Amino acid sequence: MSRHPHTPGTLSLLSRARVERRARRALAQELADYATPAERDELEALIEATGVADDEAARILHSQTEAPLFRVG
């Protein structure tokens, strides 16, 4: 008998969570390309204009704005 019983749907929930993490990471990488304050302000204005300020992109952009971003090149 297995030591880790799985209820039906557990694997699909884990799989969905993994896909969501990958998508969030990819979005964060794309948003990090907006490096200058002017670019980030413009992007933030576009996000706010859509009326979805609580959107994932807005949350990621805000967290990146709060954290120092270092770029090479």
N, C-alpha and C. Protein backbone atom coordinates (compact mmCIF):
# COMPACT_ATOMS: atom_id res chain seq x y z
N MET A 1 0.84 -1.18 0.00
CA MET A 1 0.00 0.00 0.00
C MET A 1 0.89 1.25 0.00
N SER A 2 0.47 2.25 -0.69
CA SER A 2 1.23 3.50 -0.80
C SER A 2 1.20 4.27 0.51
N ARG A 3 2.31 4.90 0.81
CA ARG A 3 2.38 5.73 2.01
C ARG A 3 1.78 7.11 1.78
N HIS A 4 1.59 7.49 0.54
CA HIS A 4 1.08 8.82 0.19
C HIS A 4 -0.17 8.67 -0.67
N PRO A 5 -1.30 8.47 -0.04
CA PRO A 5 -2.51 8.29 -0.85
C PRO A 5 -2.88 9.60 -1.56
N HIS A 6 -3.33 9.46 -2.76
CA HIS A 6 -3.75 10.62 -3.55
C HIS A 6 -5.25 10.56 -3.75
N THR A 7 -5.90 11.65 -3.51
CA THR A 7 -7.31 11.73 -3.80
C THR A 7 -7.47 12.07 -5.26
N PRO A 8 -8.57 11.69 -5.86
CA PRO A 8 -8.77 12.02 -7.27
C PRO A 8 -8.67 13.53 -7.48
N GLY A 9 -7.93 13.92 -8.46
CA GLY A 9 -7.80 15.34 -8.79
C GLY A 9 -6.59 16.01 -8.18
N THR A 10 -5.93 15.35 -7.22
CA THR A 10 -4.77 15.95 -6.58
C THR A 10 -3.67 16.22 -7.59
N LEU A 11 -3.41 15.25 -8.44
CA LEU A 11 -2.36 15.43 -9.44
C LEU A 11 -2.70 16.54 -10.42
N SER A 12 -3.97 16.65 -10.79
CA SER A 12 -4.34 17.72 -11.71
C SER A 12 -4.20 19.08 -11.03
N LEU A 13 -4.48 19.17 -9.72
CA LEU A 13 -4.29 20.42 -9.00
C LEU A 13 -2.82 20.79 -8.93
N LEU A 14 -1.98 19.80 -8.68
CA LEU A 14 -0.54 20.04 -8.64
C LEU A 14 -0.02 20.46 -10.01
N SER A 15 -0.52 19.81 -11.04
CA SER A 15 -0.12 20.14 -12.39
C SER A 15 -0.55 21.57 -12.75
N ARG A 16 -1.77 21.92 -12.39
CA ARG A 16 -2.28 23.27 -12.66
C ARG A 16 -1.44 24.32 -11.92
N ALA A 17 -1.08 24.03 -10.67
CA ALA A 17 -0.26 24.96 -9.90
C ALA A 17 1.10 25.13 -10.55
N ARG A 18 1.66 24.04 -11.05
CA ARG A 18 2.97 24.11 -11.73
C ARG A 18 2.88 24.97 -12.99
N VAL A 19 1.83 24.79 -13.76
CA VAL A 19 1.63 25.57 -14.98
C VAL A 19 1.46 27.05 -14.64
N GLU A 20 0.71 27.34 -13.58
CA GLU A 20 0.50 28.73 -13.18
C GLU A 20 1.80 29.38 -12.71
N ARG A 21 2.64 28.63 -11.98
CA ARG A 21 3.94 29.17 -11.55
C ARG A 21 4.82 29.48 -12.75
N ARG A 22 4.83 28.58 -13.74
CA ARG A 22 5.64 28.81 -14.94
C ARG A 22 5.15 30.03 -15.70
N ALA A 23 3.84 30.18 -15.82
CA ALA A 23 3.28 31.33 -16.53
C ALA A 23 3.61 32.62 -15.79
N ARG A 24 3.51 32.59 -14.46
CA ARG A 24 3.82 33.79 -13.67
C ARG A 24 5.30 34.15 -13.82
N ARG A 25 6.17 33.15 -13.81
CA ARG A 25 7.60 33.39 -13.97
C ARG A 25 7.90 33.98 -15.35
N ALA A 26 7.26 33.46 -16.39
CA ALA A 26 7.47 33.98 -17.74
C ALA A 26 6.98 35.42 -17.84
N LEU A 27 5.82 35.71 -17.24
CA LEU A 27 5.29 37.08 -17.25
C LEU A 27 6.23 38.01 -16.50
N ALA A 28 6.75 37.56 -15.36
CA ALA A 28 7.68 38.39 -14.60
C ALA A 28 8.93 38.70 -15.40
N GLN A 29 9.42 37.72 -16.16
CA GLN A 29 10.61 37.95 -16.99
C GLN A 29 10.31 38.96 -18.09
N GLU A 30 9.13 38.86 -18.69
CA GLU A 30 8.77 39.82 -19.73
C GLU A 30 8.63 41.23 -19.15
N LEU A 31 8.01 41.35 -17.99
CA LEU A 31 7.83 42.66 -17.38
C LEU A 31 9.15 43.25 -16.93
N ALA A 32 10.11 42.41 -16.58
CA ALA A 32 11.43 42.90 -16.16
C ALA A 32 12.17 43.57 -17.31
N ASP A 33 11.76 43.31 -18.54
CA ASP A 33 12.39 43.96 -19.69
C ASP A 33 12.07 45.46 -19.74
N TYR A 34 11.03 45.86 -19.05
CA TYR A 34 10.70 47.29 -18.95
C TYR A 34 11.55 47.85 -17.82
N ALA A 35 12.76 48.25 -18.14
CA ALA A 35 13.76 48.57 -17.13
C ALA A 35 13.76 50.02 -16.66
N THR A 36 13.47 50.94 -17.55
CA THR A 36 13.56 52.34 -17.15
C THR A 36 12.28 52.77 -16.45
N PRO A 37 12.38 53.75 -15.58
CA PRO A 37 11.18 54.25 -14.89
C PRO A 37 10.11 54.73 -15.88
N ALA A 38 10.52 55.34 -16.98
CA ALA A 38 9.54 55.83 -17.96
C ALA A 38 8.80 54.66 -18.61
N GLU A 39 9.53 53.60 -18.96
CA GLU A 39 8.88 52.42 -19.55
C GLU A 39 7.91 51.77 -18.58
N ARG A 40 8.33 51.67 -17.33
CA ARG A 40 7.48 51.04 -16.31
C ARG A 40 6.24 51.90 -16.03
N ASP A 41 6.42 53.22 -16.00
CA ASP A 41 5.27 54.11 -15.79
C ASP A 41 4.27 53.98 -16.94
N GLU A 42 4.79 53.91 -18.16
CA GLU A 42 3.91 53.76 -19.32
C GLU A 42 3.15 52.44 -19.27
N LEU A 43 3.85 51.37 -18.92
CA LEU A 43 3.21 50.07 -18.82
C LEU A 43 2.17 50.06 -17.71
N GLU A 44 2.49 50.66 -16.58
CA GLU A 44 1.54 50.73 -15.47
C GLU A 44 0.29 51.51 -15.87
N ALA A 45 0.47 52.60 -16.61
CA ALA A 45 -0.67 53.38 -17.09
C ALA A 45 -1.55 52.55 -18.02
N LEU A 46 -0.91 51.76 -18.88
CA LEU A 46 -1.68 50.89 -19.78
C LEU A 46 -2.48 49.85 -19.00
N ILE A 47 -1.86 49.27 -18.00
CA ILE A 47 -2.55 48.27 -17.19
C ILE A 47 -3.73 48.91 -16.46
N GLU A 48 -3.51 50.08 -15.87
CA GLU A 48 -4.58 50.78 -15.15
C GLU A 48 -5.71 51.17 -16.10
N ALA A 49 -5.38 51.52 -17.33
CA ALA A 49 -6.40 51.93 -18.31
C ALA A 49 -7.32 50.78 -18.68
N THR A 50 -6.84 49.55 -18.53
CA THR A 50 -7.68 48.41 -18.86
C THR A 50 -8.69 48.11 -17.76
N GLY A 51 -8.49 48.72 -16.59
CA GLY A 51 -9.42 48.52 -15.50
C GLY A 51 -9.20 47.24 -14.71
N VAL A 52 -8.08 46.62 -14.91
CA VAL A 52 -7.77 45.40 -14.18
C VAL A 52 -6.51 45.60 -13.33
N ALA A 53 -6.54 46.62 -12.48
CA ALA A 53 -5.37 46.96 -11.69
C ALA A 53 -5.00 45.85 -10.71
N ASP A 54 -5.94 44.96 -10.41
CA ASP A 54 -5.62 43.85 -9.53
C ASP A 54 -5.14 42.63 -10.33
N ASP A 55 -4.91 42.82 -11.59
CA ASP A 55 -4.44 41.77 -12.48
C ASP A 55 -3.05 41.28 -12.06
N GLU A 56 -2.73 40.08 -12.44
CA GLU A 56 -1.43 39.48 -12.13
C GLU A 56 -0.28 40.35 -12.62
N ALA A 57 -0.40 40.90 -13.82
CA ALA A 57 0.66 41.75 -14.37
C ALA A 57 0.88 42.97 -13.49
N ALA A 58 -0.19 43.56 -13.01
CA ALA A 58 -0.07 44.74 -12.15
C ALA A 58 0.62 44.37 -10.84
N ARG A 59 0.28 43.22 -10.28
CA ARG A 59 0.90 42.79 -9.02
C ARG A 59 2.39 42.52 -9.22
N ILE A 60 2.74 41.86 -10.30
CA ILE A 60 4.16 41.57 -10.57
C ILE A 60 4.92 42.87 -10.81
N LEU A 61 4.35 43.75 -11.61
CA LEU A 61 5.02 45.02 -11.91
C LEU A 61 5.26 45.81 -10.63
N HIS A 62 4.27 45.83 -9.77
CA HIS A 62 4.40 46.55 -8.50
C HIS A 62 5.52 45.95 -7.65
N SER A 63 5.55 44.62 -7.57
CA SER A 63 6.59 43.98 -6.75
C SER A 63 7.98 44.21 -7.34
N GLN A 64 8.08 44.25 -8.67
CA GLN A 64 9.37 44.53 -9.30
C GLN A 64 9.79 45.98 -9.09
N THR A 65 8.83 46.86 -9.04
CA THR A 65 9.13 48.27 -8.81
C THR A 65 9.69 48.47 -7.41
N GLU A 66 9.14 47.70 -6.46
CA GLU A 66 9.59 47.81 -5.08
C GLU A 66 10.98 47.21 -4.88
N ALA A 67 11.31 46.19 -5.65
CA ALA A 67 12.60 45.51 -5.52
C ALA A 67 13.63 46.15 -6.46
N PRO A 68 14.86 46.28 -6.02
CA PRO A 68 15.89 46.80 -6.93
C PRO A 68 16.18 45.78 -8.03
N LEU A 69 16.21 46.27 -9.25
CA LEU A 69 16.51 45.40 -10.39
C LEU A 69 17.90 45.74 -10.92
N PHE A 70 18.71 44.73 -11.05
CA PHE A 70 20.06 44.92 -11.56
C PHE A 70 20.18 44.25 -12.91
N ARG A 71 20.73 44.94 -13.86
CA ARG A 71 20.87 44.43 -15.21
C ARG A 71 22.35 44.53 -15.63
N VAL A 72 22.77 43.57 -16.42
CA VAL A 72 24.11 43.58 -16.99
C VAL A 72 23.93 43.68 -18.50
N GLY A 73 24.65 44.58 -19.09
CA GLY A 73 24.60 44.68 -20.55
C GLY A 73 23.86 45.85 -20.95
